[in-house]
Amino acid sequence: MAHRAGFVSIIGKPNAGKSTLMNALVGEKMSIITPKAQTTRHRILGIVNEEDYQIVFSDTPGVIKPHYALHESMMHQVDGSIVDADLILLVTDIYEEYDEADVLRKLEGTQAPVAVLINKVDQSDEETVKAKVEFWKEKLNPKVIFAISALKDYNVLAVMNFVIEHLPEHPPYYEKDALTDRNDRFFASEMIRAQIFKQYKKEIPYSSEVIITAFVEGEKLHRVSAEIIVERDSQKNILIGKDGSMLKIVGTYARRDMEDFFQKKIFLEMFVKVIPDWRSKKNYLKKFGYE
């Protein structure tokens, strides 16, 4: 039997549950998940390997109207993901207000089959789900529509089977033991960023970036140094908190997540640095890994 392999792009608006779905499909915590919208800033690949197939899932930032150079970079990553895709999973949810123009514009001209996934159906009723299904049939006429709950693992297997069925014949794109295209530094920075999203309100999460300045692997202990970048001194003060109390909370939870992920003890040190308007400065964005 011929080997099959393909790129599967997961796209949608912020907060539709794309990252939860990605993690459910891959069976690993690849994408950070927080209750706030726009948590995903990078395109993250999660790779599923079996003897006769390889699926390269691509979790992308939520589709938004760009306000900063950072947002433009995020939307370029969505576009790139669609261009590469053999199959597109459009994740919407039961609360979506039918303002899908931005997402539909991104799908114009794609030749890849599109599956619409109506997420969070566990929080709804049959009538609402049926109305959503009809809306999407009319609006997009996709290859298939699934009603799912990524969080409760409802119908995720059906999505997976659909993906496997539609993989083209192709040798593996990545080594057969690869799980992702990202390195350990990237995941360490994402775990710190996830805690910033969870512990702070208002603009702090959106104004911050995490850079890993050192990642030293030891047999029993990894030493990680990180810089948290913010845009203003007032944000730096809030981030650190009285006598460093807030930063300590972020560090404690991020370290636990890292120990769980890397299966090693972690020594974590963090510093906060101010770079005014970094989200609008292309040279800094490039330095921070945004295309």
C-alpha atoms as a PDB file:
ATOM      1  CA  MET A   1       0.000   0.000   0.000  1.00  0.00           C
ATOM      2  CA  ALA A   2       1.360   3.432  -0.989  1.00  0.00           C
ATOM      3  CA  HIS A   3       2.394   5.857   1.739  1.00  0.00           C
ATOM      4  CA  ARG A   4       0.229   8.952   2.164  1.00  0.00           C
ATOM      5  CA  ALA A   5       1.160  12.329   3.630  1.00  0.00           C
ATOM      6  CA  GLY A   6      -0.370  15.768   3.631  1.00  0.00           C
ATOM      7  CA  PHE A   7      -0.617  19.212   5.194  1.00  0.00           C
ATOM      8  CA  VAL A   8      -3.848  19.980   7.046  1.00  0.00           C
ATOM      9  CA  SER A   9      -4.463  23.637   7.852  1.00  0.00           C
ATOM     10  CA  ILE A  10      -6.617  24.462  10.907  1.00  0.00           C
ATOM     11  CA  ILE A  11      -8.049  27.971  10.522  1.00  0.00           C
ATOM     12  CA  GLY A  12     -10.815  30.074  12.073  1.00  0.00           C
ATOM     13  CA  LYS A  13     -11.612  33.148  14.111  1.00  0.00           C
ATOM     14  CA  PRO A  14      -9.973  33.689  17.549  1.00  0.00           C
ATOM     15  CA  ASN A  15     -11.526  31.671  20.397  1.00  0.00           C
ATOM     16  CA  ALA A  16     -13.181  29.092  18.121  1.00  0.00           C
ATOM     17  CA  GLY A  17     -11.108  26.375  19.824  1.00  0.00           C
ATOM     18  CA  LYS A  18      -8.552  25.662  17.067  1.00  0.00           C
ATOM     19  CA  SER A  19      -5.723  24.958  19.489  1.00  0.00           C
ATOM     20  CA  THR A  20      -7.841  22.601  21.594  1.00  0.00           C
ATOM     21  CA  LEU A  21      -8.715  20.710  18.414  1.00  0.00           C
ATOM     22  CA  MET A  22      -5.083  20.595  17.277  1.00  0.00           C
ATOM     23  CA  ASN A  23      -3.989  19.142  20.622  1.00  0.00           C
ATOM     24  CA  ALA A  24      -6.842  16.594  20.516  1.00  0.00           C
ATOM     25  CA  LEU A  25      -5.932  15.472  16.978  1.00  0.00           C
ATOM     26  CA  VAL A  26      -2.199  15.263  17.648  1.00  0.00           C
ATOM     27  CA  GLY A  27      -2.573  13.789  21.133  1.00  0.00           C
ATOM     28  CA  GLU A  28       0.070  16.168  22.526  1.00  0.00           C
ATOM     29  CA  LYS A  29       0.014  19.674  24.030  1.00  0.00           C
ATOM     30  CA  MET A  30       1.423  21.520  21.032  1.00  0.00           C
ATOM     31  CA  SER A  31      -0.528  24.779  21.123  1.00  0.00           C
ATOM     32  CA  ILE A  32      -1.030  26.900  24.219  1.00  0.00           C
ATOM     33  CA  ILE A  33      -4.631  27.353  25.281  1.00  0.00           C
ATOM     34  CA  THR A  34      -5.954  30.246  27.356  1.00  0.00           C
ATOM     35  CA  PRO A  35      -9.423  31.746  27.745  1.00  0.00           C
ATOM     36  CA  LYS A  36      -8.300  34.895  25.887  1.00  0.00           C
ATOM     37  CA  ALA A  37      -8.589  35.404  22.136  1.00  0.00           C
ATOM     38  CA  GLN A  38      -5.502  35.718  19.913  1.00  0.00           C
ATOM     39  CA  THR A  39      -3.322  33.485  22.059  1.00  0.00           C
ATOM     40  CA  THR A  40      -1.756  31.753  19.029  1.00  0.00           C
ATOM     41  CA  ARG A  41       0.745  34.021  17.285  1.00  0.00           C
ATOM     42  CA  HIS A  42       2.774  31.523  15.294  1.00  0.00           C
ATOM     43  CA  ARG A  43       1.930  28.750  12.908  1.00  0.00           C
ATOM     44  CA  ILE A  44       2.665  25.556  14.823  1.00  0.00           C
ATOM     45  CA  LEU A  45       2.968  22.151  13.188  1.00  0.00           C
ATOM     46  CA  GLY A  46       1.827  18.996  14.971  1.00  0.00           C
ATOM     47  CA  ILE A  47       2.807  15.770  13.227  1.00  0.00           C
ATOM     48  CA  VAL A  48       0.957  12.448  13.454  1.00  0.00           C
ATOM     49  CA  ASN A  49       2.945   9.450  12.230  1.00  0.00           C
ATOM     50  CA  GLU A  50       1.670   5.982  11.409  1.00  0.00           C
ATOM     51  CA  GLU A  51       3.303   3.283   9.322  1.00  0.00           C
ATOM     52  CA  ASP A  52       1.382   4.112   6.143  1.00  0.00           C
ATOM     53  CA  TYR A  53       0.661   7.834   6.597  1.00  0.00           C
ATOM     54  CA  GLN A  54       1.906  11.139   8.028  1.00  0.00           C
ATOM     55  CA  ILE A  55      -0.419  14.048   8.837  1.00  0.00           C
ATOM     56  CA  VAL A  56       1.108  17.494   9.288  1.00  0.00           C
ATOM     57  CA  PHE A  57      -1.469  19.588  11.159  1.00  0.00           C
ATOM     58  CA  SER A  58      -0.925  23.328  11.107  1.00  0.00           C
ATOM     59  CA  ASP A  59      -2.475  25.437  13.894  1.00  0.00           C
ATOM     60  CA  THR A  60      -2.623  29.066  12.806  1.00  0.00           C
ATOM     61  CA  PRO A  61      -3.352  32.404  14.499  1.00  0.00           C
ATOM     62  CA  GLY A  62      -7.048  33.332  14.617  1.00  0.00           C
ATOM     63  CA  VAL A  63      -8.189  35.385  11.620  1.00  0.00           C
ATOM     64  CA  ILE A  64      -8.428  39.083  12.573  1.00  0.00           C
ATOM     65  CA  LYS A  65      -8.227  42.515  10.949  1.00  0.00           C
ATOM     66  CA  PRO A  66      -4.596  43.609  11.446  1.00  0.00           C
ATOM     67  CA  HIS A  67      -3.905  46.667  13.649  1.00  0.00           C
ATOM     68  CA  TYR A  68      -0.143  46.196  14.084  1.00  0.00           C
ATOM     69  CA  ALA A  69       2.754  44.842  12.034  1.00  0.00           C
ATOM     70  CA  LEU A  70       2.576  41.876  14.447  1.00  0.00           C
ATOM     71  CA  HIS A  71      -1.000  41.151  13.289  1.00  0.00           C
ATOM     72  CA  GLU A  72       0.074  41.405   9.628  1.00  0.00           C
ATOM     73  CA  SER A  73       2.755  38.798  10.253  1.00  0.00           C
ATOM     74  CA  MET A  74       0.177  36.556  11.977  1.00  0.00           C
ATOM     75  CA  MET A  75      -2.162  36.825   8.966  1.00  0.00           C
ATOM     76  CA  HIS A  76       0.702  36.034   6.551  1.00  0.00           C
ATOM     77  CA  GLN A  77       1.130  32.799   8.459  1.00  0.00           C
ATOM     78  CA  VAL A  78      -2.558  31.960   7.953  1.00  0.00           C
ATOM     79  CA  ASP A  79      -2.225  32.675   4.208  1.00  0.00           C
ATOM     80  CA  GLY A  80       0.891  30.509   3.948  1.00  0.00           C
ATOM     81  CA  SER A  81      -0.862  27.679   5.740  1.00  0.00           C
ATOM     82  CA  ILE A  82      -3.797  27.785   3.269  1.00  0.00           C
ATOM     83  CA  VAL A  83      -1.460  27.819   0.246  1.00  0.00           C
ATOM     84  CA  ASP A  84       0.385  24.716   1.557  1.00  0.00           C
ATOM     85  CA  ALA A  85      -2.771  22.825   2.537  1.00  0.00           C
ATOM     86  CA  ASP A  86      -3.941  19.537   1.050  1.00  0.00           C
ATOM     87  CA  LEU A  87      -6.974  19.849   3.290  1.00  0.00           C
ATOM     88  CA  ILE A  88      -8.461  22.728   5.321  1.00  0.00           C
ATOM     89  CA  LEU A  89     -10.325  22.391   8.613  1.00  0.00           C
ATOM     90  CA  LEU A  90     -12.331  25.559   9.220  1.00  0.00           C
ATOM     91  CA  VAL A  91     -13.132  25.694  12.929  1.00  0.00           C
ATOM     92  CA  THR A  92     -16.114  27.817  13.851  1.00  0.00           C
ATOM     93  CA  ASP A  93     -18.170  27.555  17.013  1.00  0.00           C
ATOM     94  CA  ILE A  94     -21.726  27.550  18.178  1.00  0.00           C
ATOM     95  CA  TYR A  95     -21.450  31.173  19.417  1.00  0.00           C
ATOM     96  CA  GLU A  96     -20.094  32.549  16.124  1.00  0.00           C
ATOM     97  CA  GLU A  97     -22.105  35.585  15.034  1.00  0.00           C
ATOM     98  CA  TYR A  98     -22.052  34.750  11.319  1.00  0.00           C
ATOM     99  CA  ASP A  99     -19.448  37.482  10.641  1.00  0.00           C
ATOM    100  CA  GLU A 100     -17.272  35.169   8.623  1.00  0.00           C
ATOM    101  CA  ALA A 101     -16.298  37.557   5.791  1.00  0.00           C
ATOM    102  CA  ASP A 102     -12.607  37.702   6.867  1.00  0.00           C
ATOM    103  CA  VAL A 103     -12.313  33.913   7.001  1.00  0.00           C
ATOM    104  CA  LEU A 104     -14.169  33.359   3.724  1.00  0.00           C
ATOM    105  CA  ARG A 105     -11.957  35.903   1.982  1.00  0.00           C
ATOM    106  CA  LYS A 106      -8.923  33.878   3.027  1.00  0.00           C
ATOM    107  CA  LEU A 107     -10.437  30.746   1.465  1.00  0.00           C
ATOM    108  CA  GLU A 108     -11.116  32.360  -1.920  1.00  0.00           C
ATOM    109  CA  GLY A 109      -9.271  30.557  -4.680  1.00  0.00           C
ATOM    110  CA  THR A 110      -8.141  27.556  -2.619  1.00  0.00           C
ATOM    111  CA  GLN A 111      -8.341  24.212  -4.416  1.00  0.00           C
ATOM    112  CA  ALA A 112      -8.042  22.195  -1.191  1.00  0.00           C
ATOM    113  CA  PRO A 113     -11.155  20.422   0.154  1.00  0.00           C
ATOM    114  CA  VAL A 114     -12.658  22.307   3.122  1.00  0.00           C
ATOM    115  CA  ALA A 115     -14.303  20.664   6.147  1.00  0.00           C
ATOM    116  CA  VAL A 116     -16.297  22.940   8.461  1.00  0.00           C
ATOM    117  CA  LEU A 117     -16.095  21.978  12.135  1.00  0.00           C
ATOM    118  CA  ILE A 118     -18.786  23.509  14.352  1.00  0.00           C
ATOM    119  CA  ASN A 119     -17.118  23.383  17.760  1.00  0.00           C
ATOM    120  CA  LYS A 120     -18.489  23.555  21.336  1.00  0.00           C
ATOM    121  CA  VAL A 121     -21.755  21.781  20.430  1.00  0.00           C
ATOM    122  CA  ASP A 122     -21.788  20.334  23.972  1.00  0.00           C
ATOM    123  CA  GLN A 123     -22.793  23.866  25.094  1.00  0.00           C
ATOM    124  CA  SER A 124     -25.745  24.060  22.736  1.00  0.00           C
ATOM    125  CA  ASP A 125     -28.954  22.374  21.546  1.00  0.00           C
ATOM    126  CA  GLU A 126     -29.884  20.421  18.430  1.00  0.00           C
ATOM    127  CA  GLU A 127     -31.848  23.251  16.833  1.00  0.00           C
ATOM    128  CA  THR A 128     -28.974  25.743  17.043  1.00  0.00           C
ATOM    129  CA  VAL A 129     -26.538  23.169  15.652  1.00  0.00           C
ATOM    130  CA  LYS A 130     -28.875  22.421  12.720  1.00  0.00           C
ATOM    131  CA  ALA A 131     -29.179  26.156  11.956  1.00  0.00           C
ATOM    132  CA  LYS A 132     -25.392  26.469  11.914  1.00  0.00           C
ATOM    133  CA  VAL A 133     -25.058  23.460   9.601  1.00  0.00           C
ATOM    134  CA  GLU A 134     -27.579  24.999   7.151  1.00  0.00           C
ATOM    135  CA  PHE A 135     -25.786  28.359   7.286  1.00  0.00           C
ATOM    136  CA  TRP A 136     -22.456  26.781   6.341  1.00  0.00           C
ATOM    137  CA  LYS A 137     -23.941  24.609   3.606  1.00  0.00           C
ATOM    138  CA  GLU A 138     -25.330  27.726   1.980  1.00  0.00           C
ATOM    139  CA  LYS A 139     -22.369  30.000   2.628  1.00  0.00           C
ATOM    140  CA  LEU A 140     -19.469  27.748   1.693  1.00  0.00           C
ATOM    141  CA  ASN A 141     -20.841  24.412   0.493  1.00  0.00           C
ATOM    142  CA  PRO A 142     -17.878  22.577   2.072  1.00  0.00           C
ATOM    143  CA  LYS A 143     -16.929  18.963   1.447  1.00  0.00           C
ATOM    144  CA  VAL A 144     -18.306  17.988   4.857  1.00  0.00           C
ATOM    145  CA  ILE A 145     -19.598  19.577   8.088  1.00  0.00           C
ATOM    146  CA  PHE A 146     -18.895  18.091  11.519  1.00  0.00           C
ATOM    147  CA  ALA A 147     -20.540  19.054  14.810  1.00  0.00           C
ATOM    148  CA  ILE A 148     -17.781  18.577  17.392  1.00  0.00           C
ATOM    149  CA  SER A 149     -16.587  19.311  20.898  1.00  0.00           C
ATOM    150  CA  ALA A 150     -12.790  19.405  20.845  1.00  0.00           C
ATOM    151  CA  LEU A 151     -12.676  19.803  24.629  1.00  0.00           C
ATOM    152  CA  LYS A 152     -14.935  16.794  25.286  1.00  0.00           C
ATOM    153  CA  ASP A 153     -13.384  14.781  22.421  1.00  0.00           C
ATOM    154  CA  TYR A 154     -16.808  14.481  20.758  1.00  0.00           C
ATOM    155  CA  ASN A 155     -16.591  13.548  17.047  1.00  0.00           C
ATOM    156  CA  VAL A 156     -12.820  14.243  16.948  1.00  0.00           C
ATOM    157  CA  LEU A 157     -12.222  10.671  15.752  1.00  0.00           C
ATOM    158  CA  ALA A 158     -14.645  11.226  12.844  1.00  0.00           C
ATOM    159  CA  VAL A 159     -12.633  14.313  11.838  1.00  0.00           C
ATOM    160  CA  MET A 160      -9.415  12.302  12.068  1.00  0.00           C
ATOM    161  CA  ASN A 161     -10.848   9.535   9.864  1.00  0.00           C
ATOM    162  CA  PHE A 162     -11.971  12.111   7.302  1.00  0.00           C
ATOM    163  CA  VAL A 163      -8.451  13.581   7.234  1.00  0.00           C
ATOM    164  CA  ILE A 164      -6.824  10.161   6.787  1.00  0.00           C
ATOM    165  CA  GLU A 165      -9.204   9.317   3.928  1.00  0.00           C
ATOM    166  CA  HIS A 166      -8.294  12.501   2.062  1.00  0.00           C
ATOM    167  CA  LEU A 167      -4.494  12.347   2.346  1.00  0.00           C
ATOM    168  CA  PRO A 168      -2.706  12.304  -1.014  1.00  0.00           C
ATOM    169  CA  GLU A 169      -0.086   9.682  -1.859  1.00  0.00           C
ATOM    170  CA  HIS A 170       3.250  11.147  -0.837  1.00  0.00           C
ATOM    171  CA  PRO A 171       6.396  10.112   1.070  1.00  0.00           C
ATOM    172  CA  PRO A 172       6.716  11.569   4.612  1.00  0.00           C
ATOM    173  CA  TYR A 173       7.593  15.265   4.751  1.00  0.00           C
ATOM    174  CA  TYR A 174       9.312  14.921   8.136  1.00  0.00           C
ATOM    175  CA  GLU A 175      11.284  12.259   9.963  1.00  0.00           C
ATOM    176  CA  LYS A 176       8.969   9.536  11.251  1.00  0.00           C
ATOM    177  CA  ASP A 177       9.737  10.324  14.914  1.00  0.00           C
ATOM    178  CA  ALA A 178       9.118  14.075  14.518  1.00  0.00           C
ATOM    179  CA  LEU A 179       6.256  15.571  16.545  1.00  0.00           C
ATOM    180  CA  THR A 180       6.600  19.205  15.503  1.00  0.00           C
ATOM    181  CA  ASP A 181       8.812  21.634  13.566  1.00  0.00           C
ATOM    182  CA  ARG A 182       9.398  23.736  16.693  1.00  0.00           C
ATOM    183  CA  ASN A 183      12.320  23.425  19.126  1.00  0.00           C
ATOM    184  CA  ASP A 184      12.386  23.260  22.931  1.00  0.00           C
ATOM    185  CA  ARG A 185      13.120  26.988  23.271  1.00  0.00           C
ATOM    186  CA  PHE A 186       9.897  27.780  21.395  1.00  0.00           C
ATOM    187  CA  PHE A 187       7.787  25.612  23.708  1.00  0.00           C
ATOM    188  CA  ALA A 188       9.466  27.069  26.807  1.00  0.00           C
ATOM    189  CA  SER A 189       8.630  30.613  25.627  1.00  0.00           C
ATOM    190  CA  GLU A 190       5.029  29.595  24.829  1.00  0.00           C
ATOM    191  CA  MET A 191       4.549  28.153  28.327  1.00  0.00           C
ATOM    192  CA  ILE A 192       5.647  31.434  29.910  1.00  0.00           C
ATOM    193  CA  ARG A 193       3.430  33.369  27.483  1.00  0.00           C
ATOM    194  CA  ALA A 194       0.458  31.136  28.347  1.00  0.00           C
ATOM    195  CA  GLN A 195       0.846  32.078  32.018  1.00  0.00           C
ATOM    196  CA  ILE A 196       1.022  35.786  31.151  1.00  0.00           C
ATOM    197  CA  PHE A 197      -2.290  35.369  29.310  1.00  0.00           C
ATOM    198  CA  LYS A 198      -3.784  33.526  32.278  1.00  0.00           C
ATOM    199  CA  GLN A 199      -2.531  35.757  35.112  1.00  0.00           C
ATOM    200  CA  TYR A 200      -2.960  39.274  33.687  1.00  0.00           C
ATOM    201  CA  LYS A 201      -5.882  41.269  32.314  1.00  0.00           C
ATOM    202  CA  LYS A 202      -6.331  43.979  29.692  1.00  0.00           C
ATOM    203  CA  GLU A 203      -3.406  44.901  27.481  1.00  0.00           C
ATOM    204  CA  ILE A 204      -0.551  43.123  29.306  1.00  0.00           C
ATOM    205  CA  PRO A 205      -0.855  39.741  27.483  1.00  0.00           C
ATOM    206  CA  TYR A 206      -1.145  41.383  24.061  1.00  0.00           C
ATOM    207  CA  SER A 207       1.739  43.797  24.667  1.00  0.00           C
ATOM    208  CA  SER A 208       4.162  41.128  25.849  1.00  0.00           C
ATOM    209  CA  GLU A 209       6.548  38.807  24.069  1.00  0.00           C
ATOM    210  CA  VAL A 210       8.782  36.118  25.576  1.00  0.00           C
ATOM    211  CA  ILE A 211      12.326  35.503  24.344  1.00  0.00           C
ATOM    212  CA  ILE A 212      14.380  32.568  25.623  1.00  0.00           C
ATOM    213  CA  THR A 213      17.916  33.910  26.016  1.00  0.00           C
ATOM    214  CA  ALA A 214      19.439  30.661  27.301  1.00  0.00           C
ATOM    215  CA  PHE A 215      18.355  27.023  27.323  1.00  0.00           C
ATOM    216  CA  VAL A 216      20.969  24.752  28.826  1.00  0.00           C
ATOM    217  CA  GLU A 217      20.077  21.066  28.898  1.00  0.00           C
ATOM    218  CA  GLY A 218      21.395  18.954  31.727  1.00  0.00           C
ATOM    219  CA  GLU A 219      20.919  15.277  32.509  1.00  0.00           C
ATOM    220  CA  LYS A 220      18.589  15.999  35.425  1.00  0.00           C
ATOM    221  CA  LEU A 221      18.023  19.751  35.170  1.00  0.00           C
ATOM    222  CA  HIS A 222      17.401  22.237  32.335  1.00  0.00           C
ATOM    223  CA  ARG A 223      18.396  25.867  32.974  1.00  0.00           C
ATOM    224  CA  VAL A 224      16.141  28.365  31.215  1.00  0.00           C
ATOM    225  CA  SER A 225      16.587  32.149  31.055  1.00  0.00           C
ATOM    226  CA  ALA A 226      13.848  34.305  29.572  1.00  0.00           C
ATOM    227  CA  GLU A 227      13.238  37.946  28.783  1.00  0.00           C
ATOM    228  CA  ILE A 228       9.658  39.202  28.869  1.00  0.00           C
ATOM    229  CA  ILE A 229       9.301  42.188  26.552  1.00  0.00           C
ATOM    230  CA  VAL A 230       6.610  44.821  27.165  1.00  0.00           C
ATOM    231  CA  GLU A 231       5.930  48.217  25.563  1.00  0.00           C
ATOM    232  CA  ARG A 232       5.783  50.567  28.562  1.00  0.00           C
ATOM    233  CA  ASP A 233       7.297  51.027  32.039  1.00  0.00           C
ATOM    234  CA  SER A 234       3.815  50.912  33.595  1.00  0.00           C
ATOM    235  CA  GLN A 235       3.307  47.454  32.047  1.00  0.00           C
ATOM    236  CA  LYS A 236       6.671  46.335  33.402  1.00  0.00           C
ATOM    237  CA  ASN A 237       5.603  47.376  36.929  1.00  0.00           C
ATOM    238  CA  ILE A 238       2.287  45.500  36.655  1.00  0.00           C
ATOM    239  CA  LEU A 239       4.032  42.428  35.228  1.00  0.00           C
ATOM    240  CA  ILE A 240       6.539  42.290  38.089  1.00  0.00           C
ATOM    241  CA  GLY A 241       4.019  43.173  40.818  1.00  0.00           C
ATOM    242  CA  LYS A 242       4.725  44.322  44.370  1.00  0.00           C
ATOM    243  CA  ASP A 243       8.120  42.947  45.449  1.00  0.00           C
ATOM    244  CA  GLY A 244       8.104  40.674  42.384  1.00  0.00           C
ATOM    245  CA  SER A 245       4.993  38.803  43.567  1.00  0.00           C
ATOM    246  CA  MET A 246       3.233  38.554  40.176  1.00  0.00           C
ATOM    247  CA  LEU A 247       6.323  37.502  38.252  1.00  0.00           C
ATOM    248  CA  LYS A 248       6.889  34.820  40.874  1.00  0.00           C
ATOM    249  CA  ILE A 249       3.410  33.361  40.195  1.00  0.00           C
ATOM    250  CA  VAL A 250       4.050  33.311  36.430  1.00  0.00           C
ATOM    251  CA  GLY A 251       7.423  31.639  37.008  1.00  0.00           C
ATOM    252  CA  THR A 252       6.014  28.995  39.346  1.00  0.00           C
ATOM    253  CA  TYR A 253       3.262  27.863  36.959  1.00  0.00           C
ATOM    254  CA  ALA A 254       5.441  28.107  33.837  1.00  0.00           C
ATOM    255  CA  ARG A 255       8.151  26.031  35.524  1.00  0.00           C
ATOM    256  CA  ARG A 256       5.605  23.340  36.453  1.00  0.00           C
ATOM    257  CA  ASP A 257       4.350  23.236  32.865  1.00  0.00           C
ATOM    258  CA  MET A 258       7.912  22.914  31.576  1.00  0.00           C
ATOM    259  CA  GLU A 259       8.749  20.135  34.020  1.00  0.00           C
ATOM    260  CA  ASP A 260       5.659  18.289  32.867  1.00  0.00           C
ATOM    261  CA  PHE A 261       6.481  18.859  29.180  1.00  0.00           C
ATOM    262  CA  PHE A 262      10.238  18.174  29.241  1.00  0.00           C
ATOM    263  CA  GLN A 263      10.099  15.543  32.015  1.00  0.00           C
ATOM    264  CA  LYS A 264      13.078  17.227  33.698  1.00  0.00           C
ATOM    265  CA  LYS A 265      13.630  19.545  36.648  1.00  0.00           C
ATOM    266  CA  ILE A 266      13.682  23.182  35.491  1.00  0.00           C
ATOM    267  CA  PHE A 267      15.607  26.151  36.851  1.00  0.00           C
ATOM    268  CA  LEU A 268      13.847  29.230  35.415  1.00  0.00           C
ATOM    269  CA  GLU A 269      14.945  32.861  35.642  1.00  0.00           C
ATOM    270  CA  MET A 270      13.011  35.718  34.041  1.00  0.00           C
ATOM    271  CA  PHE A 271      13.762  39.391  33.384  1.00  0.00           C
ATOM    272  CA  VAL A 272      11.380  42.100  32.160  1.00  0.00           C
ATOM    273  CA  LYS A 273      12.511  44.547  29.475  1.00  0.00           C
ATOM    274  CA  VAL A 274      10.739  47.537  27.885  1.00  0.00           C
ATOM    275  CA  ILE A 275      10.861  48.038  24.100  1.00  0.00           C
ATOM    276  CA  PRO A 276       8.403  50.813  23.141  1.00  0.00           C
ATOM    277  CA  ASP A 277       5.940  49.837  20.365  1.00  0.00           C
ATOM    278  CA  TRP A 278       7.732  46.584  19.528  1.00  0.00           C
ATOM    279  CA  ARG A 279       4.525  45.230  17.894  1.00  0.00           C
ATOM    280  CA  SER A 280       4.801  47.871  15.164  1.00  0.00           C
ATOM    281  CA  LYS A 281       8.547  47.603  14.538  1.00  0.00           C
ATOM    282  CA  LYS A 282       9.456  45.189  11.739  1.00  0.00           C
ATOM    283  CA  ASN A 283      13.107  44.826  12.842  1.00  0.00           C
ATOM    284  CA  TYR A 284      12.059  43.619  16.316  1.00  0.00           C
ATOM    285  CA  LEU A 285       9.338  41.357  14.909  1.00  0.00           C
ATOM    286  CA  LYS A 286      11.915  39.710  12.646  1.00  0.00           C
ATOM    287  CA  LYS A 287      14.286  39.298  15.586  1.00  0.00           C
ATOM    288  CA  PHE A 288      11.464  37.708  17.610  1.00  0.00           C
ATOM    289  CA  GLY A 289      10.773  35.126  14.899  1.00  0.00           C
ATOM    290  CA  TYR A 290       7.856  36.715  13.029  1.00  0.00           C
ATOM    291  CA  GLU A 291       8.042  36.654   9.244  1.00  0.00           C
END
